[in-house]
C-alpha atoms as a PDB file:
ATOM      1  CA  MET A   1      -5.665  -1.413  90.992  1.00  0.00           C
ATOM      2  CA  ILE A   2      -5.922   0.670  94.216  1.00  0.00           C
ATOM      3  CA  VAL A   3      -2.903   2.345  95.855  1.00  0.00           C
ATOM      4  CA  LEU A   4      -3.053   4.764  98.808  1.00  0.00           C
ATOM      5  CA  GLY A   5      -6.637   5.781  98.167  1.00  0.00           C
ATOM      6  CA  TYR A   6      -6.205   6.067  94.400  1.00  0.00           C
ATOM      7  CA  ARG A   7      -7.319   3.675  91.739  1.00  0.00           C
ATOM      8  CA  PHE A   8      -5.821   3.043  88.324  1.00  0.00           C
ATOM      9  CA  GLU A   9      -8.349   1.591  85.925  1.00  0.00           C
ATOM     10  CA  PRO A  10      -7.504   2.590  82.363  1.00  0.00           C
ATOM     11  CA  LYS A  11      -9.744   1.587  79.500  1.00  0.00           C
ATOM     12  CA  LEU A  12      -8.440  -0.965  77.022  1.00  0.00           C
ATOM     13  CA  TRP A  13      -8.590   1.524  74.159  1.00  0.00           C
ATOM     14  CA  ALA A  14      -6.537   4.023  76.192  1.00  0.00           C
ATOM     15  CA  ILE A  15      -3.875   1.406  76.867  1.00  0.00           C
ATOM     16  CA  ILE A  16      -3.693   0.467  73.188  1.00  0.00           C
ATOM     17  CA  ALA A  17      -3.654   4.068  71.952  1.00  0.00           C
ATOM     18  CA  THR A  18      -0.979   5.115  74.421  1.00  0.00           C
ATOM     19  CA  THR A  19       1.180   2.066  73.737  1.00  0.00           C
ATOM     20  CA  VAL A  20       1.037   2.596  69.979  1.00  0.00           C
ATOM     21  CA  SER A  21       1.726   6.324  70.298  1.00  0.00           C
ATOM     22  CA  VAL A  22       4.704   5.845  72.617  1.00  0.00           C
ATOM     23  CA  PHE A  23       6.128   3.114  70.375  1.00  0.00           C
ATOM     24  CA  VAL A  24       5.820   5.315  67.276  1.00  0.00           C
ATOM     25  CA  PHE A  25       7.319   8.370  69.009  1.00  0.00           C
ATOM     26  CA  ILE A  26      10.280   6.364  70.332  1.00  0.00           C
ATOM     27  CA  GLU A  27      10.941   4.771  66.935  1.00  0.00           C
ATOM     28  CA  LEU A  28      10.842   8.178  65.251  1.00  0.00           C
ATOM     29  CA  GLY A  29      13.283   9.491  67.846  1.00  0.00           C
ATOM     30  CA  LYS A  30      15.619   6.549  67.256  1.00  0.00           C
ATOM     31  CA  TRP A  31      15.415   7.132  63.499  1.00  0.00           C
ATOM     32  CA  GLN A  32      16.403  10.776  63.940  1.00  0.00           C
ATOM     33  CA  LEU A  33      19.369   9.709  66.065  1.00  0.00           C
ATOM     34  CA  SER A  34      20.447   7.285  63.336  1.00  0.00           C
ATOM     35  CA  ARG A  35      20.237  10.115  60.797  1.00  0.00           C
ATOM     36  CA  ALA A  36      22.413  12.227  63.078  1.00  0.00           C
ATOM     37  CA  ASP A  37      24.974   9.418  63.234  1.00  0.00           C
ATOM     38  CA  GLU A  38      24.974   9.167  59.425  1.00  0.00           C
ATOM     39  CA  LYS A  39      25.540  12.908  59.044  1.00  0.00           C
ATOM     40  CA  ASN A  40      28.336  12.900  61.614  1.00  0.00           C
ATOM     41  CA  ALA A  41      30.021  10.039  59.783  1.00  0.00           C
ATOM     42  CA  ARG A  42      29.729  11.889  56.474  1.00  0.00           C
ATOM     43  CA  TYR A  43      31.098  15.074  58.024  1.00  0.00           C
ATOM     44  CA  GLU A  44      34.081  13.188  59.408  1.00  0.00           C
ATOM     45  CA  GLN A  45      34.657  11.827  55.913  1.00  0.00           C
ATOM     46  CA  LEU A  46      34.564  15.374  54.515  1.00  0.00           C
ATOM     47  CA  GLU A  47      37.104  16.474  57.104  1.00  0.00           C
ATOM     48  CA  GLN A  48      39.340  13.599  56.065  1.00  0.00           C
ATOM     49  CA  TYR A  49      38.967  14.459  52.367  1.00  0.00           C
ATOM     50  CA  ALA A  50      39.950  18.069  53.105  1.00  0.00           C
ATOM     51  CA  LYS A  51      43.299  16.871  54.441  1.00  0.00           C
ATOM     52  CA  GLU A  52      44.066  14.786  51.364  1.00  0.00           C
ATOM     53  CA  PRO A  53      45.725  16.137  48.193  1.00  0.00           C
ATOM     54  CA  ALA A  54      43.594  16.855  45.145  1.00  0.00           C
ATOM     55  CA  ILE A  55      43.149  13.953  42.733  1.00  0.00           C
ATOM     56  CA  THR A  56      43.062  14.242  38.949  1.00  0.00           C
ATOM     57  CA  LEU A  57      39.643  14.023  37.339  1.00  0.00           C
ATOM     58  CA  PRO A  58      39.648  10.999  35.007  1.00  0.00           C
ATOM     59  CA  GLU A  59      39.170  11.428  31.274  1.00  0.00           C
ATOM     60  CA  VAL A  60      36.414   8.793  31.284  1.00  0.00           C
ATOM     61  CA  LEU A  61      32.892   8.994  32.687  1.00  0.00           C
ATOM     62  CA  ILE A  62      32.761   8.738  36.477  1.00  0.00           C
ATOM     63  CA  LYS A  63      30.120   8.309  39.176  1.00  0.00           C
ATOM     64  CA  LEU A  64      29.216  11.211  41.443  1.00  0.00           C
ATOM     65  CA  GLU A  65      29.299   9.097  44.605  1.00  0.00           C
ATOM     66  CA  ASP A  66      32.909   8.071  43.926  1.00  0.00           C
ATOM     67  CA  PHE A  67      34.131  11.693  43.878  1.00  0.00           C
ATOM     68  CA  GLN A  68      31.586  13.747  45.836  1.00  0.00           C
ATOM     69  CA  TYR A  69      33.216  16.189  48.278  1.00  0.00           C
ATOM     70  CA  ARG A  70      36.695  15.250  47.064  1.00  0.00           C
ATOM     71  CA  ASP A  71      39.188  17.899  45.988  1.00  0.00           C
ATOM     72  CA  ILE A  72      40.004  17.341  42.325  1.00  0.00           C
ATOM     73  CA  GLU A  73      42.254  18.848  39.690  1.00  0.00           C
ATOM     74  CA  VAL A  74      41.269  19.087  36.031  1.00  0.00           C
ATOM     75  CA  ARG A  75      42.974  20.536  32.977  1.00  0.00           C
ATOM     76  CA  GLY A  76      41.244  21.721  29.850  1.00  0.00           C
ATOM     77  CA  GLU A  77      39.731  24.671  28.021  1.00  0.00           C
ATOM     78  CA  TYR A  78      36.673  26.733  28.907  1.00  0.00           C
ATOM     79  CA  LEU A  79      33.753  27.138  26.523  1.00  0.00           C
ATOM     80  CA  PRO A  80      32.584  30.634  27.545  1.00  0.00           C
ATOM     81  CA  GLU A  81      29.819  30.636  24.930  1.00  0.00           C
ATOM     82  CA  HIS A  82      28.004  28.085  27.090  1.00  0.00           C
ATOM     83  CA  THR A  83      28.376  29.984  30.363  1.00  0.00           C
ATOM     84  CA  VAL A  84      25.194  30.262  32.418  1.00  0.00           C
ATOM     85  CA  TYR A  85      24.417  32.537  35.353  1.00  0.00           C
ATOM     86  CA  LEU A  86      22.570  30.948  38.277  1.00  0.00           C
ATOM     87  CA  ASP A  87      20.274  33.630  39.667  1.00  0.00           C
ATOM     88  CA  ASN A  88      19.342  34.559  43.251  1.00  0.00           C
ATOM     89  CA  LYS A  89      22.735  33.855  44.803  1.00  0.00           C
ATOM     90  CA  THR A  90      23.693  36.169  47.643  1.00  0.00           C
ATOM     91  CA  TYR A  91      27.042  36.980  49.193  1.00  0.00           C
ATOM     92  CA  LYS A  92      27.260  39.089  52.354  1.00  0.00           C
ATOM     93  CA  GLY A  93      23.741  40.357  51.742  1.00  0.00           C
ATOM     94  CA  ARG A  94      24.317  41.333  48.103  1.00  0.00           C
ATOM     95  CA  ALA A  95      22.395  39.839  45.203  1.00  0.00           C
ATOM     96  CA  GLY A  96      24.335  38.127  42.477  1.00  0.00           C
ATOM     97  CA  TYR A  97      24.946  35.110  40.302  1.00  0.00           C
ATOM     98  CA  HIS A  98      26.979  31.949  40.356  1.00  0.00           C
ATOM     99  CA  VAL A  99      28.873  31.667  37.086  1.00  0.00           C
ATOM    100  CA  VAL A 100      28.956  28.146  35.620  1.00  0.00           C
ATOM    101  CA  THR A 101      31.139  27.431  32.596  1.00  0.00           C
ATOM    102  CA  PRO A 102      31.811  24.048  30.968  1.00  0.00           C
ATOM    103  CA  LEU A 103      35.429  22.946  30.736  1.00  0.00           C
ATOM    104  CA  LYS A 104      36.486  20.543  27.982  1.00  0.00           C
ATOM    105  CA  ILE A 105      38.649  17.982  29.755  1.00  0.00           C
ATOM    106  CA  ALA A 106      42.075  17.646  28.166  1.00  0.00           C
ATOM    107  CA  ASN A 107      42.496  14.486  26.064  1.00  0.00           C
ATOM    108  CA  SER A 108      38.808  13.663  26.469  1.00  0.00           C
ATOM    109  CA  SER A 109      35.510  14.186  24.669  1.00  0.00           C
ATOM    110  CA  LEU A 110      33.844  14.931  28.008  1.00  0.00           C
ATOM    111  CA  TYR A 111      33.107  18.257  29.675  1.00  0.00           C
ATOM    112  CA  VAL A 112      32.713  19.218  33.316  1.00  0.00           C
ATOM    113  CA  ALA A 113      30.652  22.038  34.818  1.00  0.00           C
ATOM    114  CA  ILE A 114      32.817  24.494  36.766  1.00  0.00           C
ATOM    115  CA  ASN A 115      31.077  26.803  39.223  1.00  0.00           C
ATOM    116  CA  ARG A 116      33.622  29.579  38.991  1.00  0.00           C
ATOM    117  CA  GLY A 117      32.224  31.689  41.813  1.00  0.00           C
ATOM    118  CA  TRP A 118      29.912  34.576  42.680  1.00  0.00           C
ATOM    119  CA  ILE A 119      29.550  37.988  41.052  1.00  0.00           C
ATOM    120  CA  ALA A 120      27.202  40.880  41.852  1.00  0.00           C
ATOM    121  CA  THR A 121      24.240  41.574  39.580  1.00  0.00           C
ATOM    122  CA  GLY A 122      24.870  45.273  39.098  1.00  0.00           C
ATOM    123  CA  TYR A 123      22.236  48.014  38.993  1.00  0.00           C
ATOM    124  CA  ASP A 124      20.752  46.961  35.643  1.00  0.00           C
ATOM    125  CA  ARG A 125      19.773  43.305  35.698  1.00  0.00           C
ATOM    126  CA  THR A 126      19.203  43.320  31.940  1.00  0.00           C
ATOM    127  CA  ILE A 127      22.977  43.626  31.527  1.00  0.00           C
ATOM    128  CA  LEU A 128      24.992  40.628  32.651  1.00  0.00           C
ATOM    129  CA  PRO A 129      28.311  41.296  34.365  1.00  0.00           C
ATOM    130  CA  LEU A 130      31.321  40.712  32.157  1.00  0.00           C
ATOM    131  CA  ILE A 131      33.646  37.866  33.058  1.00  0.00           C
ATOM    132  CA  PRO A 132      37.240  37.906  31.766  1.00  0.00           C
ATOM    133  CA  GLU A 133      37.684  34.854  29.575  1.00  0.00           C
ATOM    134  CA  THR A 134      40.675  32.975  28.218  1.00  0.00           C
ATOM    135  CA  ASN A 135      41.107  30.638  25.283  1.00  0.00           C
ATOM    136  CA  GLU A 136      44.242  29.154  26.780  1.00  0.00           C
ATOM    137  CA  PRO A 137      44.316  25.774  28.552  1.00  0.00           C
ATOM    138  CA  VAL A 138      43.759  26.121  32.297  1.00  0.00           C
ATOM    139  CA  LYS A 139      44.144  24.004  35.398  1.00  0.00           C
ATOM    140  CA  VAL A 140      41.250  24.154  37.843  1.00  0.00           C
ATOM    141  CA  THR A 141      41.177  22.784  41.369  1.00  0.00           C
ATOM    142  CA  GLY A 142      37.996  22.538  43.376  1.00  0.00           C
ATOM    143  CA  VAL A 143      35.638  20.365  45.348  1.00  0.00           C
ATOM    144  CA  VAL A 144      33.162  17.999  43.702  1.00  0.00           C
ATOM    145  CA  VAL A 145      29.468  18.473  44.519  1.00  0.00           C
ATOM    146  CA  SER A 146      26.187  17.365  42.990  1.00  0.00           C
ATOM    147  CA  PRO A 147      25.421  19.246  39.760  1.00  0.00           C
ATOM    148  CA  GLU A 148      21.773  19.658  40.690  1.00  0.00           C
ATOM    149  CA  SER A 149      20.741  22.901  42.367  1.00  0.00           C
ATOM    150  CA  ARG A 150      17.067  23.505  42.994  1.00  0.00           C
ATOM    151  CA  ALA A 151      15.069  26.698  43.441  1.00  0.00           C
ATOM    152  CA  LEU A 152      11.432  27.595  42.872  1.00  0.00           C
ATOM    153  CA  GLU A 153      10.480  27.656  39.213  1.00  0.00           C
ATOM    154  CA  LEU A 154       7.193  27.363  37.358  1.00  0.00           C
ATOM    155  CA  SER A 155       7.923  24.314  35.221  1.00  0.00           C
ATOM    156  CA  ASP A 156      10.743  21.897  34.510  1.00  0.00           C
ATOM    157  CA  LYS A 157       9.369  20.834  31.128  1.00  0.00           C
ATOM    158  CA  VAL A 158      10.752  23.738  29.105  1.00  0.00           C
ATOM    159  CA  LEU A 159      14.447  24.312  28.546  1.00  0.00           C
ATOM    160  CA  PRO A 160      15.683  27.609  30.005  1.00  0.00           C
ATOM    161  CA  VAL A 161      16.093  30.424  27.516  1.00  0.00           C
ATOM    162  CA  GLY A 162      19.123  32.699  27.649  1.00  0.00           C
ATOM    163  CA  LYS A 163      22.061  32.679  30.003  1.00  0.00           C
ATOM    164  CA  VAL A 164      20.271  33.320  33.319  1.00  0.00           C
ATOM    165  CA  TRP A 165      18.943  30.146  34.906  1.00  0.00           C
ATOM    166  CA  SER A 166      17.115  29.769  38.202  1.00  0.00           C
ATOM    167  CA  ASN A 167      18.323  26.175  38.597  1.00  0.00           C
ATOM    168  CA  PHE A 168      21.130  24.088  37.212  1.00  0.00           C
ATOM    169  CA  ASP A 169      19.886  20.766  35.895  1.00  0.00           C
ATOM    170  CA  LEU A 170      22.601  18.667  34.276  1.00  0.00           C
ATOM    171  CA  GLN A 171      20.319  16.777  31.899  1.00  0.00           C
ATOM    172  CA  ARG A 172      18.667  19.950  30.681  1.00  0.00           C
ATOM    173  CA  TYR A 173      22.039  21.634  30.339  1.00  0.00           C
ATOM    174  CA  GLN A 174      23.307  18.788  28.149  1.00  0.00           C
ATOM    175  CA  GLU A 175      20.190  19.020  26.001  1.00  0.00           C
ATOM    176  CA  ALA A 176      20.579  22.790  25.666  1.00  0.00           C
ATOM    177  CA  THR A 177      24.294  22.701  24.782  1.00  0.00           C
ATOM    178  CA  GLY A 178      24.765  19.306  23.162  1.00  0.00           C
ATOM    179  CA  LEU A 179      27.752  18.642  25.433  1.00  0.00           C
ATOM    180  CA  LYS A 180      28.463  15.311  27.120  1.00  0.00           C
ATOM    181  CA  MET A 181      29.065  16.204  30.766  1.00  0.00           C
ATOM    182  CA  GLN A 182      30.630  14.477  33.710  1.00  0.00           C
ATOM    183  CA  PRO A 183      27.861  13.909  36.315  1.00  0.00           C
ATOM    184  CA  ILE A 184      29.392  16.391  38.748  1.00  0.00           C
ATOM    185  CA  MET A 185      29.930  20.076  39.394  1.00  0.00           C
ATOM    186  CA  VAL A 186      33.232  21.504  40.594  1.00  0.00           C
ATOM    187  CA  LEU A 187      33.278  24.455  42.988  1.00  0.00           C
ATOM    188  CA  GLN A 188      36.459  26.203  41.915  1.00  0.00           C
ATOM    189  CA  LYS A 189      38.830  26.935  44.787  1.00  0.00           C
ATOM    190  CA  ASP A 190      42.001  28.241  43.115  1.00  0.00           C
ATOM    191  CA  GLN A 191      42.179  31.974  42.580  1.00  0.00           C
ATOM    192  CA  ALA A 192      42.094  33.566  39.142  1.00  0.00           C
ATOM    193  CA  GLU A 193      42.114  37.154  37.891  1.00  0.00           C
ATOM    194  CA  ASP A 194      38.452  37.178  36.913  1.00  0.00           C
ATOM    195  CA  GLY A 195      36.778  39.158  39.708  1.00  0.00           C
ATOM    196  CA  LEU A 196      34.745  36.189  40.961  1.00  0.00           C
ATOM    197  CA  VAL A 197      34.328  35.432  44.657  1.00  0.00           C
ATOM    198  CA  ARG A 198      35.082  31.837  45.686  1.00  0.00           C
ATOM    199  CA  ASP A 199      34.281  32.050  49.378  1.00  0.00           C
ATOM    200  CA  TRP A 200      32.365  28.791  49.545  1.00  0.00           C
ATOM    201  CA  ASP A 201      30.464  27.986  52.718  1.00  0.00           C
ATOM    202  CA  LYS A 202      31.739  24.921  54.500  1.00  0.00           C
ATOM    203  CA  PRO A 203      28.642  22.956  55.527  1.00  0.00           C
ATOM    204  CA  ASP A 204      28.359  21.611  59.049  1.00  0.00           C
ATOM    205  CA  SER A 205      27.167  18.084  59.662  1.00  0.00           C
ATOM    206  CA  GLY A 206      23.549  19.141  60.273  1.00  0.00           C
ATOM    207  CA  ALA A 207      23.316  16.465  62.965  1.00  0.00           C
ATOM    208  CA  SER A 208      22.208  18.948  65.622  1.00  0.00           C
ATOM    209  CA  LYS A 209      18.880  19.421  63.824  1.00  0.00           C
ATOM    210  CA  ASN A 210      18.219  15.669  63.861  1.00  0.00           C
ATOM    211  CA  ILE A 211      19.158  15.448  67.538  1.00  0.00           C
ATOM    212  CA  GLY A 212      16.702  18.247  68.241  1.00  0.00           C
ATOM    213  CA  TYR A 213      13.978  16.365  66.400  1.00  0.00           C
ATOM    214  CA  ALA A 214      14.835  13.205  68.361  1.00  0.00           C
ATOM    215  CA  VAL A 215      14.470  15.071  71.643  1.00  0.00           C
ATOM    216  CA  GLN A 216      11.056  16.315  70.513  1.00  0.00           C
ATOM    217  CA  TRP A 217       9.871  12.795  69.659  1.00  0.00           C
ATOM    218  CA  PHE A 218      11.123  11.377  72.957  1.00  0.00           C
ATOM    219  CA  SER A 219       9.433  14.271  74.774  1.00  0.00           C
ATOM    220  CA  LEU A 220       6.164  13.447  73.027  1.00  0.00           C
ATOM    221  CA  ALA A 221       6.512   9.830  74.174  1.00  0.00           C
ATOM    222  CA  ALA A 222       7.027  10.970  77.763  1.00  0.00           C
ATOM    223  CA  THR A 223       4.122  13.410  77.477  1.00  0.00           C
ATOM    224  CA  ALA A 224       1.819  10.663  76.191  1.00  0.00           C
ATOM    225  CA  ILE A 225       2.697   8.492  79.215  1.00  0.00           C
ATOM    226  CA  ILE A 226       2.108  11.358  81.643  1.00  0.00           C
ATOM    227  CA  ILE A 227      -1.263  12.228  80.074  1.00  0.00           C
ATOM    228  CA  PHE A 228      -2.256   8.555  80.188  1.00  0.00           C
ATOM    229  CA  LEU A 229      -1.453   8.342  83.894  1.00  0.00           C
ATOM    230  CA  VAL A 230      -3.111  11.637  84.810  1.00  0.00           C
ATOM    231  CA  LEU A 231      -6.345  10.795  82.999  1.00  0.00           C
ATOM    232  CA  ASN A 232      -6.600   7.297  84.433  1.00  0.00           C
ATOM    233  CA  VAL A 233      -5.639   7.779  88.092  1.00  0.00           C
ATOM    234  CA  ARG A 234      -8.605   8.764  90.300  1.00  0.00           C
ATOM    235  CA  ARG A 235      -9.426   8.906  93.991  1.00  0.00           C
ATOM    236  CA  LYS A 236     -11.026   5.765  95.332  1.00  0.00           C
ATOM    237  CA  ASN A 237     -14.376   7.439  96.060  1.00  0.00           C
ATOM    238  CA  SER A 238     -14.522   9.398  92.801  1.00  0.00           C
ATOM    239  CA  LYS A 239     -17.090   8.482  90.182  1.00  0.00           C
ATOM    240  CA  SER A 240     -16.070   7.205  86.743  1.00  0.00           C
END
């Protein structure tokens, strides 16, 4: 094809390669936009949950997806002997732990993991900070999250030893303690006289990251088209 002294004669392989590349880039961009829509929808659901009153945690086994991100209320008694300290948790630049204690649900044989908040490590990491405990029944309100928290560790085949854990794994925790746990963790929100900080970060939707990725994929599609045109448009008298 010749237009205004220029000719456009792309090779078949160039047409195929460019078409496939542009198709893939556009589909990846569309997928990232769909992920952004999903995250926005979930965030709107979280905002709606935040406006609703706390619901009582059932005495029977539940499913995480039915309660995740909901505010719940649970009554029971702590088992401080099974408290674990999740390491490498920072608050305002200070190193510390998240303190997780199981709560025996009232009128139930089940337990639930309560993340009671953050506490500083102190100058001597061989000495764990003391947490005021109570043997009296308590009422805890908080938000339900997944009980799994992951950080770098060497192996997941050996049960953690001691009270300081790098990760919280519900199955491993049940094996270590012998307790039957609800498949959730509760981030405690109500205040208690225990010195723990419960300033939980409120996550944003995260959709902006996916939109950014989508823009990158669409830009790559446009770049592929431009490169294809530039490399295959030549002056009429130029040699191939």
